[in-house]
Amino acid sequence: MRLGRIASPDGVAFVSVEGEGSDAVVKEIAEHPFGTPTFTGRSWKLADVRVLAPILASKVICVGKNYAAHAAEMGGEAPEDPVIFIKPNTSIIGPEVPIVRPPSSERVDYEGELAVVIGRPCKDVKAAQAKDVILGYTVANDVTARDQQKIDGQWTRAKGYDTFCPLGPWIETTLDPSDVELVTELDGEVKQRTRTSLMLHDVGEIVEWISRVMTLLPGDVILTGTPEGVGPMVAGQRVSVTVEGIGTLSNPVVDKQ
């Protein structure tokens, strides 16, 4: 099932997305998508609604340097254990919403990633049971003010600006995340291409590691790391991240006025 959030003439709602292309429709879910969704009976053509970020997380937990080649391009060794940090939920935006480059940064980078969406409250989850607490998977862009990341020595400011966490277009609940292709394009030119089988720590290991530290809540989002090929974006460009089996997340880039 594909789960999403949309804005329609009747307001904002969670939906299931059914069909492809011009035939795609969205069916309104009553209340929330966790557990077994129930439907209101209302539906719209996908083309007639605005697709929003598929979830509003209480927190976004990210894994750094989870691909060996990316760790190398950042000038460091691949870590033995997952390196985690948090982006504020105010950084989340949906498809087609502009990524806003702050005037205080001279270099803002794209980082295409597979994202995990948690489906129920959990703590101290074993890797083998991680699938039992996961609602599904979506596409993410861990936008980073690279110059500020280097200056600060820690990542909160560089990763935390409003609009620095595009998510979408929806959550795929049946995806097997163990070996899918991830591609990032800038103005149609491929900049990143990898398979999730190359992650140093797989989804189960990541959920186990993070849930040892903090309680995870329904809707929390985990970004699983970006591959090599990160680079800068400037105003007027468009960045698109595609994860096989989910879809494409695309956002224009603008400068803050």
Protein backbone atom coordinates (compact mmCIF):
# COMPACT_ATOMS: atom_id res chain seq x y z
CA MET A 1 0.00 0.00 0.00
CA ARG A 2 1.11 3.53 -0.74
CA LEU A 3 0.20 5.97 2.03
CA GLY A 4 0.34 9.72 1.62
CA ARG A 5 -0.91 13.11 2.76
CA ILE A 6 -2.70 15.48 0.44
CA ALA A 7 -4.35 18.87 0.38
CA SER A 8 -7.69 18.77 -1.41
CA PRO A 9 -10.54 21.28 -1.72
CA ASP A 10 -11.91 19.64 1.45
CA GLY A 11 -8.74 20.04 3.54
CA VAL A 12 -5.69 17.97 4.50
CA ALA A 13 -5.99 14.19 4.81
CA PHE A 14 -4.07 10.95 4.89
CA VAL A 15 -4.79 8.83 1.83
CA SER A 16 -3.93 5.63 0.07
CA VAL A 17 -2.62 6.09 -3.46
CA GLU A 18 -3.90 3.64 -6.05
CA GLY A 19 -3.16 3.30 -9.73
CA GLU A 20 -0.49 4.89 -11.90
CA GLY A 21 -0.08 8.01 -14.00
CA SER A 22 -3.20 9.84 -15.11
CA ASP A 23 -5.38 7.03 -13.73
CA ALA A 24 -4.04 7.36 -10.16
CA VAL A 25 -6.56 8.14 -7.42
CA VAL A 26 -6.26 8.86 -3.71
CA LYS A 27 -8.71 7.46 -1.17
CA GLU A 28 -9.17 9.34 2.10
CA ILE A 29 -8.19 7.56 5.32
CA ALA A 30 -10.12 8.30 8.48
CA GLU A 31 -7.93 9.77 11.24
CA HIS A 32 -4.41 8.29 10.74
CA PRO A 33 -2.62 5.59 8.70
CA PHE A 34 -1.25 3.54 11.61
CA GLY A 35 -2.56 0.05 12.25
CA THR A 36 -5.30 -1.01 9.83
CA PRO A 37 -6.53 2.12 8.02
CA THR A 38 -10.24 2.74 7.64
CA PHE A 39 -11.60 4.80 4.77
CA THR A 40 -14.15 7.61 4.65
CA GLY A 41 -15.38 6.77 1.16
CA ARG A 42 -14.14 10.05 -0.33
CA SER A 43 -11.60 9.99 -3.16
CA TRP A 44 -9.99 12.30 -5.71
CA LYS A 45 -7.84 12.00 -8.77
CA LEU A 46 -4.20 12.36 -7.81
CA ALA A 47 -3.81 15.09 -10.41
CA ASP A 48 -6.49 17.18 -8.68
CA VAL A 49 -4.82 17.33 -5.24
CA ARG A 50 -1.53 18.65 -3.85
CA VAL A 51 0.83 15.99 -2.50
CA LEU A 52 2.29 16.93 0.90
CA ALA A 53 5.07 15.41 2.97
CA PRO A 54 3.62 11.97 3.77
CA ILE A 55 4.11 12.27 7.52
CA LEU A 56 4.67 14.91 10.21
CA ALA A 57 7.32 13.33 12.43
CA SER A 58 7.92 14.12 16.08
CA LYS A 59 11.61 13.72 15.21
CA VAL A 60 13.85 12.91 12.26
CA ILE A 61 16.84 10.73 13.15
CA CYS A 62 19.62 10.49 10.57
CA VAL A 63 22.52 8.13 10.02
CA GLY A 64 25.79 9.67 8.84
CA LYS A 65 28.49 7.98 6.76
CA ASN A 66 26.49 4.80 6.12
CA TYR A 67 28.09 4.19 2.72
CA ALA A 68 31.84 3.59 2.67
CA ALA A 69 32.42 5.64 -0.50
CA HIS A 70 30.61 8.64 0.99
CA ALA A 71 32.67 8.41 4.18
CA ALA A 72 35.77 8.47 1.98
CA GLU A 73 34.63 11.49 -0.04
CA MET A 74 34.03 13.32 3.24
CA GLY A 75 37.65 12.58 4.17
CA GLY A 76 37.05 10.05 6.92
CA GLU A 77 36.99 6.37 7.77
CA ALA A 78 33.79 4.36 7.63
CA PRO A 79 32.52 4.18 11.24
CA GLU A 80 32.25 0.83 13.00
CA ASP A 81 28.91 1.78 14.58
CA PRO A 82 26.13 3.98 13.18
CA VAL A 83 26.67 7.72 13.65
CA ILE A 84 23.34 9.40 14.38
CA PHE A 85 22.07 12.97 14.55
CA ILE A 86 18.67 14.68 14.54
CA LYS A 87 17.02 17.14 12.18
CA PRO A 88 14.11 19.17 13.60
CA ASN A 89 10.63 18.32 12.34
CA THR A 90 10.31 21.94 11.17
CA SER A 91 12.80 21.08 8.41
CA ILE A 92 10.27 18.74 6.72
CA ILE A 93 8.72 19.76 3.41
CA GLY A 94 6.88 17.84 0.73
CA PRO A 95 7.37 17.36 -3.02
CA GLU A 96 7.65 20.47 -5.17
CA VAL A 97 8.13 22.78 -2.17
CA PRO A 98 11.25 24.91 -2.66
CA ILE A 99 14.43 24.15 -0.76
CA VAL A 100 15.47 27.57 0.58
CA ARG A 101 19.20 28.33 0.70
CA PRO A 102 19.97 30.55 3.71
CA PRO A 103 22.07 33.67 3.04
CA SER A 104 24.48 32.59 5.78
CA SER A 105 25.68 29.59 3.74
CA GLU A 106 27.77 29.62 0.59
CA ARG A 107 27.33 25.90 -0.13
CA VAL A 108 24.11 23.91 0.30
CA ASP A 109 24.31 20.24 -0.75
CA TYR A 110 21.78 17.57 -1.75
CA GLU A 111 21.96 14.14 -0.09
CA GLY A 112 19.52 11.59 -1.49
CA GLU A 113 18.44 8.88 0.97
CA LEU A 114 16.04 6.06 1.73
CA ALA A 115 13.87 6.94 4.74
CA VAL A 116 12.15 4.64 7.23
CA VAL A 117 8.82 5.59 8.82
CA ILE A 118 8.05 4.09 12.23
CA GLY A 119 4.58 2.62 12.74
CA ARG A 120 4.22 2.15 16.50
CA PRO A 121 5.87 3.18 19.78
CA CYS A 122 8.95 1.07 20.40
CA LYS A 123 12.14 0.84 22.44
CA ASP A 124 15.07 -1.60 22.44
CA VAL A 125 14.00 -3.26 19.20
CA LYS A 126 16.08 -6.19 17.99
CA ALA A 127 17.24 -5.95 14.38
CA ALA A 128 15.36 -9.11 13.44
CA GLN A 129 12.09 -7.58 14.71
CA ALA A 130 12.55 -4.13 13.14
CA LYS A 131 10.07 -4.87 10.36
CA ASP A 132 7.35 -5.27 13.01
CA VAL A 133 7.66 -1.60 14.06
CA ILE A 134 8.07 -0.07 10.59
CA LEU A 135 5.10 1.45 8.79
CA GLY A 136 6.96 1.76 5.50
CA TYR A 137 9.56 3.64 3.50
CA THR A 138 9.78 6.95 1.67
CA VAL A 139 12.32 9.11 -0.15
CA ALA A 140 14.35 11.83 1.58
CA ASN A 141 16.86 14.57 0.83
CA ASP A 142 19.12 15.37 3.79
CA VAL A 143 19.91 18.93 2.67
CA THR A 144 23.10 20.23 4.28
CA ALA A 145 24.86 23.59 4.57
CA ARG A 146 28.24 21.97 3.97
CA ASP A 147 30.37 24.99 4.84
CA GLN A 148 28.62 25.39 8.21
CA GLN A 149 28.96 21.67 8.93
CA LYS A 150 32.74 22.03 8.57
CA ILE A 151 32.93 25.26 10.55
CA ASP A 152 30.75 24.15 13.48
CA GLY A 153 32.29 20.72 14.03
CA GLN A 154 28.80 19.36 14.69
CA TRP A 155 25.84 19.17 12.40
CA THR A 156 22.77 20.74 14.01
CA ARG A 157 22.85 24.13 12.31
CA ALA A 158 23.98 22.77 8.95
CA LYS A 159 21.22 20.16 8.83
CA GLY A 160 18.46 21.99 10.66
CA TYR A 161 17.24 24.87 8.51
CA ASP A 162 13.59 25.05 7.52
CA THR A 163 13.07 23.16 4.20
CA PHE A 164 16.19 21.03 4.72
CA CYS A 165 14.30 17.72 4.93
CA PRO A 166 12.20 17.06 1.82
CA LEU A 167 10.16 13.84 2.16
CA GLY A 168 7.84 12.02 -0.22
CA PRO A 169 6.04 11.52 -2.38
CA TRP A 170 4.41 8.78 -0.25
CA ILE A 171 5.13 5.86 2.06
CA GLU A 172 5.44 2.41 0.50
CA THR A 173 4.45 -0.21 3.08
CA THR A 174 5.47 -3.34 1.14
CA LEU A 175 9.00 -2.40 0.08
CA ASP A 176 11.91 -4.76 0.77
CA PRO A 177 14.65 -2.18 1.51
CA SER A 178 17.57 -4.60 1.38
CA ASP A 179 18.61 -3.98 -2.23
CA VAL A 180 16.89 -1.15 -4.12
CA GLU A 181 18.44 1.49 -6.35
CA LEU A 182 18.75 5.10 -5.21
CA VAL A 183 19.44 7.84 -7.76
CA THR A 184 19.84 11.60 -7.23
CA GLU A 185 19.64 13.97 -10.20
CA LEU A 186 20.41 17.67 -10.39
CA ASP A 187 18.69 19.33 -13.35
CA GLY A 188 18.35 15.87 -14.89
CA GLU A 189 22.03 14.93 -14.51
CA VAL A 190 22.73 11.88 -12.36
CA LYS A 191 24.88 12.81 -9.37
CA GLN A 192 24.36 9.84 -7.04
CA ARG A 193 23.59 6.23 -7.89
CA THR A 194 23.82 3.31 -5.49
CA ARG A 195 21.98 0.31 -4.12
CA THR A 196 20.89 0.02 -0.50
CA SER A 197 22.70 -3.33 -0.29
CA LEU A 198 25.88 -1.21 -0.04
CA MET A 199 24.80 0.41 3.25
CA LEU A 200 27.27 -0.36 6.03
CA HIS A 201 24.39 -0.82 8.50
CA ASP A 202 21.11 -2.14 7.19
CA VAL A 203 17.64 -0.99 8.24
CA GLY A 204 17.30 -3.57 11.02
CA GLU A 205 20.66 -2.66 12.53
CA ILE A 206 19.83 1.04 12.35
CA VAL A 207 16.46 0.64 14.10
CA GLU A 208 18.10 -1.49 16.81
CA TRP A 209 20.90 1.07 17.36
CA ILE A 210 18.61 4.10 17.52
CA SER A 211 15.93 2.45 19.65
CA ARG A 212 18.55 1.60 22.28
CA VAL A 213 19.05 5.34 22.67
CA MET A 214 15.55 6.77 22.36
CA THR A 215 11.92 5.75 22.20
CA LEU A 216 10.58 5.84 18.66
CA LEU A 217 7.02 7.04 18.08
CA PRO A 218 4.53 6.47 15.26
CA GLY A 219 5.48 8.68 12.34
CA ASP A 220 9.10 9.18 13.38
CA VAL A 221 11.40 9.19 10.36
CA ILE A 222 14.85 7.64 10.08
CA LEU A 223 17.15 8.74 7.24
CA THR A 224 19.47 5.83 6.43
CA GLY A 225 22.42 7.71 4.95
CA THR A 226 23.55 9.04 1.59
CA PRO A 227 25.97 7.54 -0.94
CA GLU A 228 28.91 9.23 -2.62
CA GLY A 229 28.34 12.03 -5.10
CA VAL A 230 27.00 14.76 -2.81
CA GLY A 231 27.38 18.27 -4.15
CA PRO A 232 26.09 21.84 -4.15
CA MET A 233 22.77 23.19 -5.39
CA VAL A 234 22.12 26.78 -6.44
CA ALA A 235 18.96 28.80 -6.93
CA GLY A 236 17.11 27.93 -10.12
CA GLN A 237 18.14 24.27 -10.06
CA ARG A 238 15.96 21.24 -9.31
CA VAL A 239 17.01 18.17 -7.34
CA SER A 240 15.20 14.85 -7.72
CA VAL A 241 15.75 11.71 -5.67
CA THR A 242 14.33 8.38 -6.85
CA VAL A 243 14.16 5.18 -4.84
CA GLU A 244 13.25 2.04 -6.74
CA GLY A 245 9.86 0.73 -5.66
CA ILE A 246 8.74 4.04 -4.13
CA GLY A 247 8.96 6.91 -6.61
CA THR A 248 10.60 10.29 -7.12
CA LEU A 249 10.88 13.25 -4.76
CA SER A 250 11.56 16.48 -6.63
CA ASN A 251 12.15 20.01 -5.29
CA PRO A 252 13.24 23.32 -6.82
CA VAL A 253 16.00 25.35 -5.16
CA VAL A 254 15.67 29.04 -4.30
CA ASP A 255 17.60 31.65 -2.33
CA LYS A 256 15.98 33.17 0.74
CA GLN A 257 14.72 36.65 -0.06
